[in-house]
C-alpha atoms as a PDB file:
ATOM      1  CA  MET A   1     -55.613  55.889 -61.363  1.00  0.00           C
ATOM      2  CA  SER A   2     -54.953  56.303 -65.061  1.00  0.00           C
ATOM      3  CA  PHE A   3     -55.543  53.687 -67.737  1.00  0.00           C
ATOM      4  CA  LYS A   4     -53.920  53.704 -71.125  1.00  0.00           C
ATOM      5  CA  GLY A   5     -56.433  53.549 -73.929  1.00  0.00           C
ATOM      6  CA  LEU A   6     -58.972  55.930 -72.405  1.00  0.00           C
ATOM      7  CA  ASP A   7     -57.392  59.015 -73.951  1.00  0.00           C
ATOM      8  CA  VAL A   8     -58.987  58.338 -77.350  1.00  0.00           C
ATOM      9  CA  PRO A   9     -62.339  59.724 -78.544  1.00  0.00           C
ATOM     10  CA  VAL A  10     -65.491  57.887 -77.503  1.00  0.00           C
ATOM     11  CA  ARG A  11     -66.350  57.521 -81.215  1.00  0.00           C
ATOM     12  CA  ASP A  12     -63.404  55.103 -81.507  1.00  0.00           C
ATOM     13  CA  LEU A  13     -64.500  53.037 -78.484  1.00  0.00           C
ATOM     14  CA  MET A  14     -68.305  52.938 -78.846  1.00  0.00           C
ATOM     15  CA  ARG A  15     -70.521  50.291 -80.350  1.00  0.00           C
ATOM     16  CA  PRO A  16     -72.204  51.846 -83.404  1.00  0.00           C
ATOM     17  CA  GLY A  17     -75.984  51.900 -83.613  1.00  0.00           C
ATOM     18  CA  VAL A  18     -78.655  51.673 -80.942  1.00  0.00           C
ATOM     19  CA  VAL A  19     -81.484  49.154 -80.624  1.00  0.00           C
ATOM     20  CA  THR A  20     -84.726  51.016 -79.873  1.00  0.00           C
ATOM     21  CA  ILE A  21     -88.254  50.093 -78.906  1.00  0.00           C
ATOM     22  CA  GLY A  22     -91.372  52.210 -78.468  1.00  0.00           C
ATOM     23  CA  GLU A  23     -92.461  53.047 -74.937  1.00  0.00           C
ATOM     24  CA  ARG A  24     -95.812  51.326 -75.544  1.00  0.00           C
ATOM     25  CA  ALA A  25     -94.210  48.081 -76.731  1.00  0.00           C
ATOM     26  CA  SER A  26     -94.982  45.116 -74.496  1.00  0.00           C
ATOM     27  CA  LEU A  27     -92.614  43.608 -71.981  1.00  0.00           C
ATOM     28  CA  GLU A  28     -92.506  40.529 -74.195  1.00  0.00           C
ATOM     29  CA  GLN A  29     -91.382  42.646 -77.162  1.00  0.00           C
ATOM     30  CA  ALA A  30     -88.670  44.207 -75.000  1.00  0.00           C
ATOM     31  CA  ARG A  31     -87.489  40.753 -73.882  1.00  0.00           C
ATOM     32  CA  ARG A  32     -87.370  39.554 -77.479  1.00  0.00           C
ATOM     33  CA  ALA A  33     -85.457  42.672 -78.593  1.00  0.00           C
ATOM     34  CA  LEU A  34     -82.812  42.141 -75.895  1.00  0.00           C
ATOM     35  CA  LEU A  35     -82.357  38.493 -76.808  1.00  0.00           C
ATOM     36  CA  SER A  36     -82.552  38.741 -80.597  1.00  0.00           C
ATOM     37  CA  HIS A  37     -80.020  41.561 -80.761  1.00  0.00           C
ATOM     38  CA  GLY A  38     -77.784  40.113 -78.046  1.00  0.00           C
ATOM     39  CA  VAL A  39     -77.614  43.423 -76.181  1.00  0.00           C
ATOM     40  CA  HIS A  40     -77.723  44.312 -72.501  1.00  0.00           C
ATOM     41  CA  ALA A  41     -80.130  47.218 -72.964  1.00  0.00           C
ATOM     42  CA  VAL A  42     -82.686  48.592 -75.415  1.00  0.00           C
ATOM     43  CA  LEU A  43     -83.403  52.311 -75.702  1.00  0.00           C
ATOM     44  CA  VAL A  44     -87.057  53.175 -75.071  1.00  0.00           C
ATOM     45  CA  VAL A  45     -88.321  56.042 -77.228  1.00  0.00           C
ATOM     46  CA  GLY A  46     -91.518  58.079 -76.993  1.00  0.00           C
ATOM     47  CA  ALA A  47     -93.979  59.062 -79.690  1.00  0.00           C
ATOM     48  CA  GLY A  48     -91.815  61.898 -81.039  1.00  0.00           C
ATOM     49  CA  GLY A  49     -88.661  59.802 -80.939  1.00  0.00           C
ATOM     50  CA  ALA A  50     -87.469  61.312 -77.652  1.00  0.00           C
ATOM     51  CA  SER A  51     -85.349  58.955 -75.545  1.00  0.00           C
ATOM     52  CA  ARG A  52     -87.119  57.825 -72.362  1.00  0.00           C
ATOM     53  CA  GLY A  53     -84.506  55.504 -70.855  1.00  0.00           C
ATOM     54  CA  TRP A  54     -83.049  52.008 -71.023  1.00  0.00           C
ATOM     55  CA  VAL A  55     -84.864  48.697 -70.590  1.00  0.00           C
ATOM     56  CA  MET A  56     -82.447  46.094 -69.326  1.00  0.00           C
ATOM     57  CA  ALA A  57     -82.698  42.397 -68.486  1.00  0.00           C
ATOM     58  CA  ARG A  58     -82.934  43.314 -64.796  1.00  0.00           C
ATOM     59  CA  GLY A  59     -86.067  45.367 -65.506  1.00  0.00           C
ATOM     60  CA  VAL A  60     -87.667  42.543 -67.444  1.00  0.00           C
ATOM     61  CA  LEU A  61     -86.793  40.001 -64.739  1.00  0.00           C
ATOM     62  CA  ALA A  62     -88.165  42.302 -62.036  1.00  0.00           C
ATOM     63  CA  ARG A  63     -91.600  41.894 -63.635  1.00  0.00           C
ATOM     64  CA  ALA A  64     -91.473  38.071 -63.676  1.00  0.00           C
ATOM     65  CA  GLY A  65     -94.933  36.832 -62.814  1.00  0.00           C
ATOM     66  CA  ASP A  66     -96.662  39.809 -64.436  1.00  0.00           C
ATOM     67  CA  ASP A  67     -98.494  39.318 -67.709  1.00  0.00           C
ATOM     68  CA  PRO A  68     -95.828  40.388 -70.256  1.00  0.00           C
ATOM     69  CA  ALA A  69     -98.542  41.474 -72.691  1.00  0.00           C
ATOM     70  CA  LEU A  70     -99.936  44.003 -70.185  1.00  0.00           C
ATOM     71  CA  VAL A  71     -96.672  45.644 -69.058  1.00  0.00           C
ATOM     72  CA  THR A  72     -95.083  48.227 -71.372  1.00  0.00           C
ATOM     73  CA  ALA A  73     -91.427  48.911 -72.069  1.00  0.00           C
ATOM     74  CA  GLY A  74     -91.938  52.411 -70.680  1.00  0.00           C
ATOM     75  CA  GLN A  75     -92.920  50.881 -67.343  1.00  0.00           C
ATOM     76  CA  VAL A  76     -89.700  48.890 -66.995  1.00  0.00           C
ATOM     77  CA  VAL A  77     -87.105  51.577 -67.760  1.00  0.00           C
ATOM     78  CA  CYS A  78     -84.136  50.926 -65.459  1.00  0.00           C
ATOM     79  CA  GLU A  79     -81.708  53.722 -66.292  1.00  0.00           C
ATOM     80  CA  PRO A  80     -81.980  57.261 -67.602  1.00  0.00           C
ATOM     81  CA  VAL A  81     -80.376  58.317 -70.868  1.00  0.00           C
ATOM     82  CA  VAL A  82     -77.140  60.248 -70.447  1.00  0.00           C
ATOM     83  CA  ARG A  83     -75.493  61.701 -73.557  1.00  0.00           C
ATOM     84  CA  ILE A  84     -71.810  62.110 -74.321  1.00  0.00           C
ATOM     85  CA  SER A  85     -70.169  63.766 -77.313  1.00  0.00           C
ATOM     86  CA  PRO A  86     -68.424  61.450 -79.777  1.00  0.00           C
ATOM     87  CA  MET A  87     -65.316  63.633 -79.398  1.00  0.00           C
ATOM     88  CA  ALA A  88     -65.153  63.267 -75.585  1.00  0.00           C
ATOM     89  CA  THR A  89     -62.422  60.944 -74.337  1.00  0.00           C
ATOM     90  CA  GLY A  90     -62.877  57.507 -72.865  1.00  0.00           C
ATOM     91  CA  ALA A  91     -61.706  58.926 -69.545  1.00  0.00           C
ATOM     92  CA  GLU A  92     -64.516  61.508 -69.664  1.00  0.00           C
ATOM     93  CA  ALA A  93     -66.993  58.731 -70.426  1.00  0.00           C
ATOM     94  CA  ALA A  94     -65.762  56.733 -67.431  1.00  0.00           C
ATOM     95  CA  ARG A  95     -66.230  59.757 -65.162  1.00  0.00           C
ATOM     96  CA  MET A  96     -69.747  60.313 -66.495  1.00  0.00           C
ATOM     97  CA  LEU A  97     -70.742  56.690 -65.924  1.00  0.00           C
ATOM     98  CA  VAL A  98     -69.670  56.961 -62.294  1.00  0.00           C
ATOM     99  CA  GLU A  99     -71.086  60.455 -61.772  1.00  0.00           C
ATOM    100  CA  HIS A 100     -74.520  59.572 -63.187  1.00  0.00           C
ATOM    101  CA  ARG A 101     -74.530  56.010 -61.812  1.00  0.00           C
ATOM    102  CA  VAL A 102     -75.385  54.466 -65.161  1.00  0.00           C
ATOM    103  CA  SER A 103     -73.835  51.597 -67.091  1.00  0.00           C
ATOM    104  CA  ARG A 104     -74.000  53.086 -70.608  1.00  0.00           C
ATOM    105  CA  LEU A 105     -74.008  56.423 -72.411  1.00  0.00           C
ATOM    106  CA  ILE A 106     -75.643  57.483 -75.676  1.00  0.00           C
ATOM    107  CA  VAL A 107     -73.070  58.876 -78.094  1.00  0.00           C
ATOM    108  CA  ALA A 108     -74.470  61.897 -79.946  1.00  0.00           C
ATOM    109  CA  ARG A 109     -73.342  65.450 -80.672  1.00  0.00           C
ATOM    110  CA  THR A 110     -76.587  66.960 -79.362  1.00  0.00           C
ATOM    111  CA  ASP A 111     -79.780  65.773 -77.712  1.00  0.00           C
ATOM    112  CA  ALA A 112     -81.653  66.661 -80.917  1.00  0.00           C
ATOM    113  CA  GLU A 113     -79.553  64.407 -83.163  1.00  0.00           C
ATOM    114  CA  PRO A 114     -79.947  60.660 -83.519  1.00  0.00           C
ATOM    115  CA  PRO A 115     -77.366  58.688 -81.544  1.00  0.00           C
ATOM    116  CA  GLU A 116     -74.276  57.391 -83.295  1.00  0.00           C
ATOM    117  CA  GLY A 117     -73.887  54.555 -80.850  1.00  0.00           C
ATOM    118  CA  VAL A 118     -73.516  53.461 -77.258  1.00  0.00           C
ATOM    119  CA  ILE A 119     -70.541  53.169 -74.948  1.00  0.00           C
ATOM    120  CA  GLY A 120     -70.728  51.075 -71.810  1.00  0.00           C
ATOM    121  CA  GLU A 121     -68.633  49.990 -68.889  1.00  0.00           C
ATOM    122  CA  LEU A 122     -67.236  46.909 -70.627  1.00  0.00           C
ATOM    123  CA  ASP A 123     -66.322  48.900 -73.748  1.00  0.00           C
ATOM    124  CA  LEU A 124     -64.220  51.216 -71.587  1.00  0.00           C
ATOM    125  CA  LEU A 125     -62.712  48.388 -69.600  1.00  0.00           C
ATOM    126  CA  ALA A 126     -61.722  46.645 -72.843  1.00  0.00           C
ATOM    127  CA  ALA A 127     -60.022  49.851 -74.014  1.00  0.00           C
ATOM    128  CA  THR A 128     -57.674  49.818 -71.023  1.00  0.00           C
ATOM    129  CA  GLY A 129     -55.792  46.920 -72.578  1.00  0.00           C
ATOM    130  CA  GLU A 130     -56.331  44.741 -69.544  1.00  0.00           C
ATOM    131  CA  PRO A 131     -57.023  41.076 -70.372  1.00  0.00           C
ATOM    132  CA  ARG A 132     -60.697  40.113 -70.376  1.00  0.00           C
ATOM    133  CA  TYR A 133     -60.089  36.752 -68.697  1.00  0.00           C
ATOM    134  CA  ALA A 134     -57.554  35.709 -66.088  1.00  0.00           C
END
């Protein structure tokens, strides 16, 4: 199946910027970051700034009942970080999401460079031109 709109560079489809949190931040800080920024995932970074993975609402909810001050963001990472070049096409991004079984990709030229943004499943679906609501 081929969708119109996925033949453009990821850079034109992504959401610029990435919300990050340190791996030692508390679960409560991760919850607040998700809610205050209105995002589905927050990138967890290590001491040297290396990406560790994504904390998502599902990871926070999975720890319901635990003391949120004692659980760290690094302990609730739900998805690994997968990088895509900003010049890759939307179609390539869609294939990578499926291949790696993730819901979002970091957009960066190299692993050593800071990310330019994030592209997720809904960003790609929106690019197909299909209506969002029936």
